[in-house]
Amino acid sequence: MSGPFTADVVEAIKRHMNDDHGDDALVIVRGLGGRPGATRATTSGVDAEAIEFTIDGGELVRVPWGETLTERPQVRMAVVRLYRQSCATLGIPARGEH
């Protein structure tokens, strides 16, 4: 994975996602990652074009942002957008606190 994010930034994003938003990652994988039966998702990568998750038995699933990201603050907005889109796709209510 390449792009505008240093390895330290990618690690910080992964740590935050995995520590605080594991359920959201699973919703994204199920709704937009094409894996509706996934039972576990861990954020394993981030670049300018997509976020990557490792699911269940180790399969990698990349979910595109829908735009090219150029700076770190965009990641949060992009993850929230993916989460909300996934909730709509799955027909489940999105939590308000993001």
C-alpha atoms as a PDB file:
ATOM      1  CA  MET A   1       0.000   0.000   0.000  1.00  0.00           C
ATOM      2  CA  SER A   2       1.285   3.400  -0.880  1.00  0.00           C
ATOM      3  CA  GLY A   3       0.102   6.951  -0.614  1.00  0.00           C
ATOM      4  CA  PRO A   4       0.357  10.041   1.525  1.00  0.00           C
ATOM      5  CA  PHE A   5       0.344   8.253   4.884  1.00  0.00           C
ATOM      6  CA  THR A   6       3.544   7.340   6.708  1.00  0.00           C
ATOM      7  CA  ALA A   7       3.887   3.950   8.332  1.00  0.00           C
ATOM      8  CA  ASP A   8       3.381   5.574  11.746  1.00  0.00           C
ATOM      9  CA  VAL A   9       0.120   7.180  10.632  1.00  0.00           C
ATOM     10  CA  VAL A  10      -1.145   3.906   9.167  1.00  0.00           C
ATOM     11  CA  GLU A  11      -0.309   2.079  12.404  1.00  0.00           C
ATOM     12  CA  ALA A  12      -2.118   4.725  14.473  1.00  0.00           C
ATOM     13  CA  ILE A  13      -5.216   4.494  12.277  1.00  0.00           C
ATOM     14  CA  LYS A  14      -5.206   0.690  12.417  1.00  0.00           C
ATOM     15  CA  ARG A  15      -4.773   0.713  16.193  1.00  0.00           C
ATOM     16  CA  HIS A  16      -7.633   3.189  16.647  1.00  0.00           C
ATOM     17  CA  MET A  17      -9.939   1.264  14.330  1.00  0.00           C
ATOM     18  CA  ASN A  18      -9.152  -2.075  15.966  1.00  0.00           C
ATOM     19  CA  ASP A  19      -9.318  -0.785  19.541  1.00  0.00           C
ATOM     20  CA  ASP A  20     -12.380   1.452  19.206  1.00  0.00           C
ATOM     21  CA  HIS A  21     -14.279   0.547  16.044  1.00  0.00           C
ATOM     22  CA  GLY A  22     -14.066  -3.203  15.526  1.00  0.00           C
ATOM     23  CA  ASP A  23     -17.837  -3.521  15.182  1.00  0.00           C
ATOM     24  CA  ASP A  24     -17.873  -0.721  12.601  1.00  0.00           C
ATOM     25  CA  ALA A  25     -15.201  -2.512  10.577  1.00  0.00           C
ATOM     26  CA  LEU A  26     -17.356  -5.625  10.475  1.00  0.00           C
ATOM     27  CA  VAL A  27     -20.357  -3.592   9.297  1.00  0.00           C
ATOM     28  CA  ILE A  28     -18.237  -2.081   6.499  1.00  0.00           C
ATOM     29  CA  VAL A  29     -16.959  -5.499   5.401  1.00  0.00           C
ATOM     30  CA  ARG A  30     -20.469  -6.939   5.408  1.00  0.00           C
ATOM     31  CA  GLY A  31     -22.128  -4.002   3.679  1.00  0.00           C
ATOM     32  CA  LEU A  32     -19.548  -2.751   1.190  1.00  0.00           C
ATOM     33  CA  GLY A  33     -16.849  -5.408   1.201  1.00  0.00           C
ATOM     34  CA  GLY A  34     -19.007  -8.067  -0.382  1.00  0.00           C
ATOM     35  CA  ARG A  35     -18.727 -10.406   2.602  1.00  0.00           C
ATOM     36  CA  PRO A  36     -22.170 -10.393   4.277  1.00  0.00           C
ATOM     37  CA  GLY A  37     -21.353 -13.546   6.230  1.00  0.00           C
ATOM     38  CA  ALA A  38     -18.117 -12.269   7.775  1.00  0.00           C
ATOM     39  CA  THR A  39     -17.914 -12.761  11.526  1.00  0.00           C
ATOM     40  CA  ARG A  40     -14.713 -10.840  12.310  1.00  0.00           C
ATOM     41  CA  ALA A  41     -12.898  -7.943  10.672  1.00  0.00           C
ATOM     42  CA  THR A  42      -9.593  -6.367  11.660  1.00  0.00           C
ATOM     43  CA  THR A  43      -8.293  -3.220   9.997  1.00  0.00           C
ATOM     44  CA  SER A  44      -5.027  -4.266   8.385  1.00  0.00           C
ATOM     45  CA  GLY A  45      -4.168  -1.396   6.060  1.00  0.00           C
ATOM     46  CA  VAL A  46      -4.966   2.104   4.914  1.00  0.00           C
ATOM     47  CA  ASP A  47      -3.859   3.994   1.840  1.00  0.00           C
ATOM     48  CA  ALA A  48      -5.064   6.871  -0.302  1.00  0.00           C
ATOM     49  CA  GLU A  49      -7.491   4.676  -2.235  1.00  0.00           C
ATOM     50  CA  ALA A  50      -8.941   2.203   0.271  1.00  0.00           C
ATOM     51  CA  ILE A  51      -9.101   0.691   3.701  1.00  0.00           C
ATOM     52  CA  GLU A  52      -8.162  -2.957   4.033  1.00  0.00           C
ATOM     53  CA  PHE A  53      -9.516  -5.529   6.455  1.00  0.00           C
ATOM     54  CA  THR A  54      -8.463  -9.041   7.344  1.00  0.00           C
ATOM     55  CA  ILE A  55     -11.552 -11.155   7.892  1.00  0.00           C
ATOM     56  CA  ASP A  56     -12.312 -14.521   9.442  1.00  0.00           C
ATOM     57  CA  GLY A  57      -9.730 -16.993   8.138  1.00  0.00           C
ATOM     58  CA  GLY A  58      -7.251 -14.384   6.919  1.00  0.00           C
ATOM     59  CA  GLU A  59      -8.835 -13.186   3.671  1.00  0.00           C
ATOM     60  CA  LEU A  60      -7.981  -9.577   2.774  1.00  0.00           C
ATOM     61  CA  VAL A  61     -10.853  -7.317   1.744  1.00  0.00           C
ATOM     62  CA  ARG A  62     -10.233  -3.818   0.374  1.00  0.00           C
ATOM     63  CA  VAL A  63     -13.044  -1.291   0.471  1.00  0.00           C
ATOM     64  CA  PRO A  64     -12.428   1.811  -1.662  1.00  0.00           C
ATOM     65  CA  TRP A  65     -12.931   5.236  -0.135  1.00  0.00           C
ATOM     66  CA  GLY A  66     -14.719   6.488  -3.248  1.00  0.00           C
ATOM     67  CA  GLU A  67     -12.165   9.289  -3.594  1.00  0.00           C
ATOM     68  CA  THR A  68      -8.417   9.661  -3.255  1.00  0.00           C
ATOM     69  CA  LEU A  69      -7.436  10.780   0.230  1.00  0.00           C
ATOM     70  CA  THR A  70      -4.503  13.147   0.586  1.00  0.00           C
ATOM     71  CA  GLU A  71      -4.333  13.859   4.315  1.00  0.00           C
ATOM     72  CA  ARG A  72      -4.974  12.109   7.605  1.00  0.00           C
ATOM     73  CA  PRO A  73      -8.095  14.063   8.742  1.00  0.00           C
ATOM     74  CA  GLN A  74      -9.939  12.785   5.672  1.00  0.00           C
ATOM     75  CA  VAL A  75      -9.684   9.209   6.934  1.00  0.00           C
ATOM     76  CA  ARG A  76     -12.146   9.735   9.780  1.00  0.00           C
ATOM     77  CA  MET A  77     -14.749  11.299   7.491  1.00  0.00           C
ATOM     78  CA  ALA A  78     -14.255   8.552   4.923  1.00  0.00           C
ATOM     79  CA  VAL A  79     -14.647   5.766   7.499  1.00  0.00           C
ATOM     80  CA  VAL A  80     -17.836   7.347   8.851  1.00  0.00           C
ATOM     81  CA  ARG A  81     -19.186   7.621   5.304  1.00  0.00           C
ATOM     82  CA  LEU A  82     -18.383   3.956   4.581  1.00  0.00           C
ATOM     83  CA  TYR A  83     -19.974   2.916   7.871  1.00  0.00           C
ATOM     84  CA  ARG A  84     -23.185   4.828   7.155  1.00  0.00           C
ATOM     85  CA  GLN A  85     -23.357   3.547   3.584  1.00  0.00           C
ATOM     86  CA  SER A  86     -22.866   0.011   4.878  1.00  0.00           C
ATOM     87  CA  CYS A  87     -25.642   0.419   7.428  1.00  0.00           C
ATOM     88  CA  ALA A  88     -27.977   1.632   4.693  1.00  0.00           C
ATOM     89  CA  THR A  89     -26.990  -1.282   2.452  1.00  0.00           C
ATOM     90  CA  LEU A  90     -27.577  -3.770   5.255  1.00  0.00           C
ATOM     91  CA  GLY A  91     -30.803  -2.101   6.398  1.00  0.00           C
ATOM     92  CA  ILE A  92     -29.568  -1.524   9.945  1.00  0.00           C
ATOM     93  CA  PRO A  93     -29.650   1.723  11.931  1.00  0.00           C
ATOM     94  CA  ALA A  94     -26.391   3.644  12.128  1.00  0.00           C
ATOM     95  CA  ARG A  95     -25.215   4.755  15.538  1.00  0.00           C
ATOM     96  CA  GLY A  96     -25.156   8.517  15.892  1.00  0.00           C
ATOM     97  CA  GLU A  97     -21.879   8.877  17.758  1.00  0.00           C
ATOM     98  CA  HIS A  98     -19.045   8.921  15.257  1.00  0.00           C
END
